[in-house]
Amino acid sequence: MRQTLLQNPVFAMAAEQFDQVADFLNLPDDLRERCKWPKRFITVTVPIRRDDGSTEVFFGHRVQHHLTRGPVKGGLRYHPSVDLGEITALAIWMTWKCALMDLPFGGGKGGIACDPRTMSSGELERLTRRFTMEMIPFIGPEIDVMAPDMGTNEQTMAWMTDTYSTHTGHLVPSIVTGKPLNLQGSSGRARATGHGVAFIASNALHQLGLRVDGASAVVQGFGNVGSHTAYTLASHGVHVRGVSDVNGAIWNDRGLDLTKLRHHVAKTGTVIGFNEADAMDPELLLQQACDILAPCALDRVITAENAPLLRCRILAEGANGPTTPEADRILEARGDVFVIPDVLCNAGGVTVSYFEWVQNFQHFLWTEREVITRLETMLQKAYTKVTGFAKRHQISHRTAAQAIAIQTVADVKSSRGLFP
């Protein structure tokens, strides 16, 4: 199993990051191994009947990294490239994210290898319900709480809620987060991650002595995270000059009109063809001069090849794992890019998921203003903690964020001891 996982480049990246931080912390070998490896690897077959009457079997995965501090929390993605190594890496990063934000969760991640763009709503519903049933022995509000991710949405979570609740005989809204509001979802959940990226990036501008109003930004990815990052930055007076999606990139030196772009994307499904911007090579978009560069799409997009070419002042990681370890070393040696690591920068989503989970147990819903205010308070606390730790120890922000998180998990494991 270890060798198979290490062959996956995303897992290898997460493992390398962990090993470097464990070395920095002088973590004892017994705790090092217990903190690193997941508690459970779950793989199930998910057979469904397609609309044409044929039967197809899909493979679904769920990795539960740690239940030491509480139930695992993490998204469920539908994408053709889903495999166990990628899911494991994402579960590991989620553990550190929850520990850094002081949430009572461990990290989890799940996925089904499929292409949701080629499947009907009925097929997706059957896939979701069957996967949920296969997972019933391993999930629950105090065991594993899923949420939307790439290729899934609030409708997916509604199907999961109904399937689990039908099994138990009563409504259990706390089985997932990211649900529709009419199923006791939380106000502010959809924009939480992107809002958090913009909020943290604005904090970094202040710390560097730069004005927010009039600053410039480039956002890679225009899905849920990227679009809300761009909208929130623009609402603060930042000129978002370039954005991209899976189809390509666009650029406007004076700043994009995000209201008009939102309407264009709603109508066409892509940023391409927006008549108030020029087309640009997506790789060149990352190299444009700007105050804030926010990669909010894929992992491993900042590499050893393009890291020397970045011309941003702040790298705000909206995606999980967008910067490779080789690129990290280059940026650290350069010393002119203020990196906000993913486990801090995109923690807004899981934080508001936590709020939703709490509201479900309380049977009391908060207003969107309450949600966003609480979110910003927690993000500000974590940001101050990370930047202060990094300064005291003369280390990178990524090492600082993961060191705080890993030490938190290790301390709890040490306190609980090892069951014979």
Protein backbone atom coordinates (compact mmCIF):
# COMPACT_ATOMS: atom_id res chain seq x y z
CA MET A 1 0.00 0.00 0.00
CA ARG A 2 2.75 2.48 0.94
CA GLN A 3 4.64 1.93 -2.29
CA THR A 4 1.47 2.24 -4.38
CA LEU A 5 0.55 5.53 -2.71
CA LEU A 6 4.04 6.96 -3.09
CA GLN A 7 3.82 6.41 -6.85
CA ASN A 8 1.01 8.96 -6.98
CA PRO A 9 2.54 12.44 -7.48
CA VAL A 10 -0.06 14.25 -5.34
CA PHE A 11 0.39 11.86 -2.41
CA ALA A 12 4.18 11.96 -2.81
CA MET A 13 3.94 15.75 -2.52
CA ALA A 14 1.82 15.59 0.66
CA ALA A 15 4.18 12.98 2.14
CA GLU A 16 7.26 15.08 1.37
CA GLN A 17 5.70 18.11 3.02
CA PHE A 18 4.85 16.06 6.11
CA ASP A 19 8.33 14.56 6.39
CA GLN A 20 9.97 17.98 6.18
CA VAL A 21 7.73 19.39 8.92
CA ALA A 22 8.11 16.29 11.10
CA ASP A 23 11.88 16.77 10.85
CA PHE A 24 11.51 20.42 11.87
CA LEU A 25 9.38 19.39 14.88
CA ASN A 26 11.73 16.51 15.80
CA LEU A 27 8.61 14.38 15.97
CA PRO A 28 9.30 10.98 17.60
CA ASP A 29 9.21 8.08 15.16
CA ASP A 30 6.19 6.42 16.76
CA LEU A 31 4.10 9.62 16.58
CA ARG A 32 5.44 10.41 13.11
CA GLU A 33 4.10 7.17 11.66
CA ARG A 34 0.75 7.47 13.45
CA CYS A 35 0.24 11.05 12.28
CA LYS A 36 1.20 10.36 8.69
CA TRP A 37 -0.81 7.30 7.66
CA PRO A 38 -4.61 7.27 7.35
CA LYS A 39 -6.80 5.26 9.70
CA ARG A 40 -8.97 3.82 6.94
CA PHE A 41 -8.81 3.28 3.19
CA ILE A 42 -12.25 2.37 1.87
CA THR A 43 -12.85 1.35 -1.75
CA VAL A 44 -16.24 0.17 -2.95
CA THR A 45 -17.76 -0.82 -6.28
CA VAL A 46 -20.78 1.25 -7.27
CA PRO A 47 -22.93 -0.53 -9.87
CA ILE A 48 -25.75 1.50 -11.43
CA ARG A 49 -28.21 1.09 -14.27
CA ARG A 50 -27.56 3.61 -17.05
CA ASP A 51 -30.40 5.33 -18.88
CA ASP A 52 -29.99 3.00 -21.86
CA GLY A 53 -30.67 -0.02 -19.65
CA SER A 54 -27.05 -1.18 -19.40
CA THR A 55 -25.26 -1.73 -16.10
CA GLU A 56 -21.95 -0.02 -15.35
CA VAL A 57 -19.70 -0.48 -12.34
CA PHE A 58 -17.84 2.54 -10.96
CA PHE A 59 -15.17 2.60 -8.26
CA GLY A 60 -15.58 4.87 -5.25
CA HIS A 61 -13.01 5.73 -2.58
CA ARG A 62 -13.12 7.27 0.86
CA VAL A 63 -10.02 7.90 2.98
CA GLN A 64 -10.41 8.72 6.66
CA HIS A 65 -7.10 10.14 7.79
CA HIS A 66 -7.64 10.71 11.51
CA LEU A 67 -10.55 10.47 13.94
CA THR A 68 -8.32 11.45 16.86
CA ARG A 69 -9.84 14.92 17.31
CA GLY A 70 -13.36 14.16 16.07
CA PRO A 71 -15.19 12.86 12.99
CA VAL A 72 -13.45 13.18 9.65
CA LYS A 73 -14.57 16.01 7.40
CA GLY A 74 -13.98 16.44 3.71
CA GLY A 75 -15.41 16.63 0.24
CA LEU A 76 -16.69 14.07 -2.25
CA ARG A 77 -15.59 14.58 -5.86
CA TYR A 78 -16.79 13.08 -9.14
CA HIS A 79 -14.03 13.20 -11.76
CA PRO A 80 -12.43 10.76 -14.24
CA SER A 81 -8.97 11.13 -12.66
CA VAL A 82 -10.03 10.18 -9.12
CA ASP A 83 -7.73 7.57 -7.60
CA LEU A 84 -6.79 6.44 -4.11
CA GLY A 85 -3.46 8.30 -4.03
CA GLU A 86 -4.99 11.68 -4.85
CA ILE A 87 -7.82 11.13 -2.37
CA THR A 88 -5.33 10.19 0.36
CA ALA A 89 -3.30 13.36 -0.16
CA LEU A 90 -6.41 15.53 0.01
CA ALA A 91 -7.50 13.79 3.22
CA ILE A 92 -4.10 14.46 4.78
CA TRP A 93 -4.21 18.16 3.87
CA MET A 94 -7.72 18.37 5.30
CA THR A 95 -6.46 17.04 8.64
CA TRP A 96 -3.89 19.82 8.85
CA LYS A 97 -6.45 22.40 7.76
CA CYS A 98 -8.92 21.39 10.48
CA ALA A 99 -6.21 21.29 13.15
CA LEU A 100 -4.87 24.70 12.12
CA MET A 101 -8.37 26.21 12.32
CA ASP A 102 -8.95 24.41 15.66
CA LEU A 103 -11.99 22.57 14.30
CA PRO A 104 -12.99 19.32 16.06
CA PHE A 105 -12.45 17.25 12.91
CA GLY A 106 -9.93 15.02 11.23
CA GLY A 107 -9.40 14.97 7.50
CA GLY A 108 -11.37 12.88 5.05
CA LYS A 109 -11.81 12.83 1.30
CA GLY A 110 -13.80 10.77 -1.15
CA GLY A 111 -14.37 10.40 -4.82
CA ILE A 112 -15.86 8.32 -7.60
CA ALA A 113 -13.98 7.84 -10.87
CA CYS A 114 -16.59 9.04 -13.37
CA ASP A 115 -17.30 11.92 -15.72
CA PRO A 116 -20.40 13.73 -14.38
CA ARG A 117 -20.56 15.89 -17.52
CA THR A 118 -21.55 12.83 -19.57
CA MET A 119 -24.14 11.54 -17.07
CA SER A 120 -27.81 12.45 -16.75
CA SER A 121 -29.34 13.73 -13.52
CA GLY A 122 -30.99 10.35 -13.01
CA GLU A 123 -27.70 8.51 -13.43
CA LEU A 124 -25.95 10.84 -10.99
CA GLU A 125 -28.72 10.35 -8.46
CA ARG A 126 -28.49 6.56 -8.72
CA LEU A 127 -24.68 6.75 -8.44
CA THR A 128 -24.88 8.96 -5.35
CA ARG A 129 -27.51 6.92 -3.59
CA ARG A 130 -25.75 3.62 -4.23
CA PHE A 131 -22.40 5.03 -3.06
CA THR A 132 -24.06 6.37 0.10
CA MET A 133 -25.56 2.96 0.86
CA GLU A 134 -22.18 1.27 0.35
CA MET A 135 -20.64 3.78 2.80
CA ILE A 136 -23.30 3.52 5.53
CA PRO A 137 -21.15 1.30 7.82
CA PHE A 138 -18.39 3.92 7.77
CA ILE A 139 -20.19 7.29 7.94
CA GLY A 140 -22.30 9.24 10.42
CA PRO A 141 -22.47 12.70 12.05
CA GLU A 142 -19.85 11.63 14.61
CA ILE A 143 -17.79 9.47 12.22
CA ASP A 144 -17.53 10.97 8.72
CA VAL A 145 -19.28 14.07 7.37
CA MET A 146 -18.99 14.64 3.61
CA ALA A 147 -19.38 17.84 1.60
CA PRO A 148 -19.44 18.93 -2.08
CA ASP A 149 -16.25 19.06 -4.10
CA MET A 150 -15.25 18.96 -7.76
CA GLY A 151 -18.14 17.57 -9.83
CA THR A 152 -20.61 17.49 -6.92
CA ASN A 153 -22.95 20.12 -5.49
CA GLU A 154 -25.75 20.76 -3.01
CA GLN A 155 -28.08 18.45 -4.96
CA THR A 156 -25.58 15.61 -4.47
CA MET A 157 -25.62 16.35 -0.75
CA ALA A 158 -29.44 16.39 -0.72
CA TRP A 159 -29.51 12.87 -2.25
CA MET A 160 -26.97 11.68 0.33
CA THR A 161 -29.00 13.21 3.17
CA ASP A 162 -32.18 11.54 1.95
CA THR A 163 -30.52 8.15 1.46
CA TYR A 164 -28.93 8.14 4.91
CA SER A 165 -32.07 9.52 6.58
CA THR A 166 -34.26 6.88 4.89
CA HIS A 167 -31.90 4.23 6.25
CA THR A 168 -32.12 5.59 9.82
CA GLY A 169 -35.84 6.33 9.69
CA HIS A 170 -35.59 10.04 10.50
CA LEU A 171 -34.00 13.19 9.03
CA VAL A 172 -30.29 13.44 9.83
CA PRO A 173 -29.15 16.78 8.32
CA SER A 174 -25.76 16.59 10.07
CA ILE A 175 -24.68 13.62 7.92
CA VAL A 176 -23.30 16.04 5.28
CA THR A 177 -22.67 19.76 4.85
CA GLY A 178 -23.09 21.94 1.79
CA LYS A 179 -26.79 21.05 1.64
CA PRO A 180 -29.57 23.24 0.18
CA LEU A 181 -30.92 25.80 2.64
CA ASN A 182 -34.30 24.05 2.71
CA LEU A 183 -32.54 20.95 4.11
CA GLN A 184 -30.89 22.93 6.91
CA GLY A 185 -27.85 24.00 4.93
CA SER A 186 -25.96 27.09 6.04
CA SER A 187 -26.15 30.59 4.65
CA GLY A 188 -22.80 31.68 3.25
CA ARG A 189 -21.53 28.15 2.55
CA ALA A 190 -21.30 28.54 -1.23
CA ARG A 191 -19.05 31.61 -1.08
CA ALA A 192 -17.13 30.67 2.04
CA THR A 193 -13.91 29.34 0.48
CA GLY A 194 -13.54 32.12 -2.08
CA HIS A 195 -14.48 34.78 0.47
CA GLY A 196 -11.82 33.38 2.79
CA VAL A 197 -9.15 33.47 0.06
CA ALA A 198 -9.93 37.13 -0.63
CA PHE A 199 -10.07 38.01 3.08
CA ILE A 200 -6.70 36.39 3.83
CA ALA A 201 -5.11 37.96 0.74
CA SER A 202 -6.37 41.37 1.86
CA ASN A 203 -4.76 40.78 5.26
CA ALA A 204 -1.47 40.04 3.50
CA LEU A 205 -1.71 43.29 1.51
CA HIS A 206 -2.14 45.23 4.76
CA GLN A 207 0.81 43.42 6.34
CA LEU A 208 3.01 44.29 3.36
CA GLY A 209 1.97 47.95 3.54
CA LEU A 210 0.02 47.79 0.27
CA ARG A 211 -3.40 49.30 -0.34
CA VAL A 212 -6.29 46.93 -1.01
CA ASP A 213 -8.25 49.47 -3.00
CA GLY A 214 -6.47 49.69 -6.34
CA ALA A 215 -4.42 46.50 -5.95
CA SER A 216 -4.34 44.06 -8.87
CA ALA A 217 -5.13 40.35 -8.98
CA VAL A 218 -5.09 37.31 -11.26
CA VAL A 219 -7.35 34.34 -10.51
CA GLN A 220 -6.70 30.95 -12.05
CA GLY A 221 -9.92 28.93 -12.12
CA PHE A 222 -13.43 30.34 -12.24
CA GLY A 223 -15.44 27.61 -10.54
CA ASN A 224 -17.04 28.10 -7.16
CA VAL A 225 -13.80 29.04 -5.36
CA GLY A 226 -12.22 31.15 -8.10
CA SER A 227 -15.35 33.08 -8.99
CA HIS A 228 -16.14 34.00 -5.38
CA THR A 229 -12.49 34.92 -4.80
CA ALA A 230 -12.68 37.28 -7.78
CA TYR A 231 -16.07 38.74 -6.79
CA THR A 232 -14.96 39.40 -3.22
CA LEU A 233 -11.64 40.95 -4.24
CA ALA A 234 -13.45 43.21 -6.72
CA SER A 235 -15.94 44.27 -4.02
CA HIS A 236 -12.93 45.44 -1.95
CA GLY A 237 -11.68 47.61 -4.82
CA VAL A 238 -9.09 45.18 -6.22
CA HIS A 239 -8.69 45.23 -10.01
CA VAL A 240 -9.04 41.62 -11.16
CA ARG A 241 -7.19 41.82 -14.46
CA GLY A 242 -7.13 38.19 -15.53
CA VAL A 243 -9.08 34.99 -14.91
CA SER A 244 -9.11 31.53 -16.45
CA ASP A 245 -11.20 28.39 -16.57
CA VAL A 246 -10.83 24.96 -18.16
CA ASN A 247 -11.38 26.49 -21.62
CA GLY A 248 -8.76 29.26 -21.50
CA ALA A 249 -7.88 32.65 -20.02
CA ILE A 250 -8.89 36.30 -20.50
CA TRP A 251 -7.19 39.59 -19.64
CA ASN A 252 -8.04 43.28 -19.29
CA ASP A 253 -5.31 45.71 -18.15
CA ARG A 254 -7.87 48.05 -16.58
CA GLY A 255 -9.60 45.27 -14.66
CA LEU A 256 -12.50 43.03 -15.58
CA ASP A 257 -16.10 44.06 -14.94
CA LEU A 258 -17.01 41.13 -12.69
CA THR A 259 -20.74 41.84 -12.83
CA LYS A 260 -20.78 41.61 -16.62
CA LEU A 261 -18.45 38.61 -16.55
CA ARG A 262 -20.77 36.83 -14.12
CA HIS A 263 -23.68 37.29 -16.58
CA HIS A 264 -21.51 36.10 -19.46
CA VAL A 265 -20.46 32.94 -17.61
CA ALA A 266 -24.05 32.24 -16.56
CA LYS A 267 -25.12 32.48 -20.20
CA THR A 268 -22.23 30.66 -21.92
CA GLY A 269 -20.71 28.47 -19.21
CA THR A 270 -17.19 29.85 -19.75
CA VAL A 271 -15.12 33.02 -19.43
CA ILE A 272 -14.03 32.63 -23.06
CA GLY A 273 -15.63 35.02 -25.49
CA PHE A 274 -16.17 37.82 -22.98
CA ASN A 275 -16.22 40.89 -25.19
CA GLU A 276 -14.49 43.21 -22.71
CA ALA A 277 -11.30 41.17 -22.46
CA ASP A 278 -8.57 39.70 -24.65
CA ALA A 279 -7.75 35.99 -24.86
CA MET A 280 -4.50 34.90 -23.21
CA ASP A 281 -2.51 31.70 -22.90
CA PRO A 282 -3.46 30.19 -19.48
CA GLU A 283 0.20 29.48 -18.64
CA LEU A 284 1.18 33.08 -19.42
CA LEU A 285 -1.66 34.28 -17.19
CA LEU A 286 0.22 32.93 -14.17
CA GLN A 287 3.27 34.98 -15.11
CA GLN A 288 1.57 38.38 -15.34
CA ALA A 289 2.61 41.18 -12.98
CA CYS A 290 0.07 41.55 -10.16
CA ASP A 291 -0.23 42.06 -6.43
CA ILE A 292 -2.23 38.85 -5.84
CA LEU A 293 -2.03 35.60 -7.79
CA ALA A 294 -4.73 33.17 -6.66
CA PRO A 295 -4.50 29.65 -8.14
CA CYS A 296 -8.00 28.29 -7.43
CA ALA A 297 -8.25 25.27 -9.70
CA LEU A 298 -5.85 22.35 -10.02
CA ASP A 299 -2.99 20.99 -7.92
CA ARG A 300 0.67 21.32 -8.99
CA VAL A 301 0.27 24.34 -11.28
CA ILE A 302 3.13 26.32 -9.72
CA THR A 303 6.17 24.26 -10.66
CA ALA A 304 9.94 24.45 -10.83
CA GLU A 305 9.57 25.65 -14.42
CA ASN A 306 7.28 28.64 -13.84
CA ALA A 307 8.12 29.57 -10.22
CA PRO A 308 11.11 31.70 -11.32
CA LEU A 309 8.79 33.55 -13.74
CA LEU A 310 6.07 34.56 -11.27
CA ARG A 311 5.63 38.32 -10.90
CA CYS A 312 3.10 38.41 -8.09
CA ARG A 313 3.66 39.91 -4.66
CA ILE A 314 1.28 37.49 -2.93
CA LEU A 315 0.54 33.87 -3.84
CA ALA A 316 -2.86 33.03 -2.32
CA GLU A 317 -3.50 29.30 -2.68
CA GLY A 318 -7.22 28.82 -3.22
CA ALA A 319 -6.68 25.29 -4.59
CA ASN A 320 -5.32 22.31 -2.69
CA GLY A 321 -1.65 21.63 -3.40
CA PRO A 322 -1.14 24.14 -6.23
CA THR A 323 2.58 24.60 -5.49
CA THR A 324 5.04 21.72 -5.80
CA PRO A 325 7.83 21.27 -3.21
CA GLU A 326 10.40 22.17 -5.89
CA ALA A 327 8.55 25.42 -6.61
CA ASP A 328 8.29 26.10 -2.88
CA ARG A 329 12.06 25.95 -2.54
CA ILE A 330 12.49 28.36 -5.46
CA LEU A 331 9.98 30.85 -4.04
CA GLU A 332 11.56 30.63 -0.59
CA ALA A 333 15.00 31.32 -2.08
CA ARG A 334 13.60 34.28 -4.03
CA GLY A 335 12.12 35.80 -0.89
CA ASP A 336 9.94 38.28 -2.77
CA VAL A 337 6.67 36.31 -2.91
CA PHE A 338 4.44 36.22 0.18
CA VAL A 339 2.99 32.70 0.10
CA ILE A 340 -0.33 32.02 1.84
CA PRO A 341 -0.45 28.20 2.01
CA ASP A 342 -3.54 26.24 1.04
CA VAL A 343 -4.25 24.83 4.51
CA LEU A 344 -4.77 28.42 5.69
CA CYS A 345 -5.85 30.25 2.57
CA ASN A 346 -8.72 27.99 1.50
CA ALA A 347 -9.86 26.96 4.99
CA GLY A 348 -13.02 29.07 4.74
CA GLY A 349 -14.99 26.21 3.19
CA VAL A 350 -14.40 23.65 5.92
CA THR A 351 -14.85 26.31 8.60
CA VAL A 352 -18.34 27.19 7.38
CA SER A 353 -19.02 23.47 6.94
CA TYR A 354 -18.24 23.20 10.65
CA PHE A 355 -20.72 26.01 11.30
CA GLU A 356 -23.37 24.12 9.32
CA TRP A 357 -22.69 20.94 11.30
CA VAL A 358 -23.03 22.87 14.58
CA GLN A 359 -26.26 24.53 13.42
CA ASN A 360 -27.71 21.12 12.53
CA PHE A 361 -27.04 19.83 16.05
CA GLN A 362 -28.45 23.02 17.59
CA HIS A 363 -31.50 23.05 15.30
CA PHE A 364 -30.89 26.79 15.04
CA LEU A 365 -29.86 28.59 11.83
CA TRP A 366 -27.53 31.58 11.78
CA THR A 367 -27.82 34.54 9.42
CA GLU A 368 -25.30 34.95 6.61
CA ARG A 369 -23.86 37.97 8.38
CA GLU A 370 -23.28 35.90 11.53
CA VAL A 371 -21.64 33.15 9.47
CA ILE A 372 -19.27 35.47 7.59
CA THR A 373 -18.37 37.43 10.74
CA ARG A 374 -17.50 34.24 12.63
CA LEU A 375 -15.55 32.99 9.61
CA GLU A 376 -13.44 36.14 9.34
CA THR A 377 -12.73 36.08 13.09
CA MET A 378 -11.41 32.51 12.90
CA LEU A 379 -9.40 33.15 9.73
CA GLN A 380 -7.83 36.26 11.25
CA LYS A 381 -6.80 34.29 14.33
CA ALA A 382 -5.23 31.51 12.24
CA TYR A 383 -3.47 34.00 9.94
CA THR A 384 -1.93 35.83 12.90
CA LYS A 385 -0.85 32.54 14.46
CA VAL A 386 0.83 31.29 11.25
CA THR A 387 2.63 34.51 10.33
CA GLY A 388 3.81 35.00 13.92
CA PHE A 389 5.12 31.42 14.16
CA ALA A 390 6.90 31.76 10.81
CA LYS A 391 8.57 35.00 11.88
CA ARG A 392 9.70 33.64 15.25
CA HIS A 393 11.23 30.50 13.75
CA GLN A 394 12.42 32.06 10.46
CA ILE A 395 10.58 29.48 8.37
CA SER A 396 8.14 29.57 5.47
CA HIS A 397 4.44 30.14 6.01
CA ARG A 398 3.70 26.64 4.71
CA THR A 399 6.07 25.02 7.17
CA ALA A 400 4.64 27.18 9.96
CA ALA A 401 1.02 26.33 9.14
CA GLN A 402 1.68 22.61 8.87
CA ALA A 403 3.93 22.59 11.95
CA ILE A 404 1.17 24.11 14.09
CA ALA A 405 -1.35 21.62 12.69
CA ILE A 406 0.83 18.49 12.92
CA GLN A 407 1.92 19.34 16.45
CA THR A 408 -1.75 19.78 17.42
CA VAL A 409 -2.62 16.31 16.11
CA ALA A 410 0.51 14.74 17.64
CA ASP A 411 -0.27 16.25 21.05
CA VAL A 412 -3.79 14.80 21.04
CA LYS A 413 -2.52 11.38 19.93
CA SER A 414 0.06 11.50 22.73
CA SER A 415 -2.59 12.44 25.28
CA ARG A 416 -4.93 9.66 24.16
CA GLY A 417 -2.14 7.10 24.07
CA LEU A 418 -1.97 3.95 21.97
CA PHE A 419 -4.65 1.32 22.53
CA PRO A 420 -3.01 -2.10 23.03
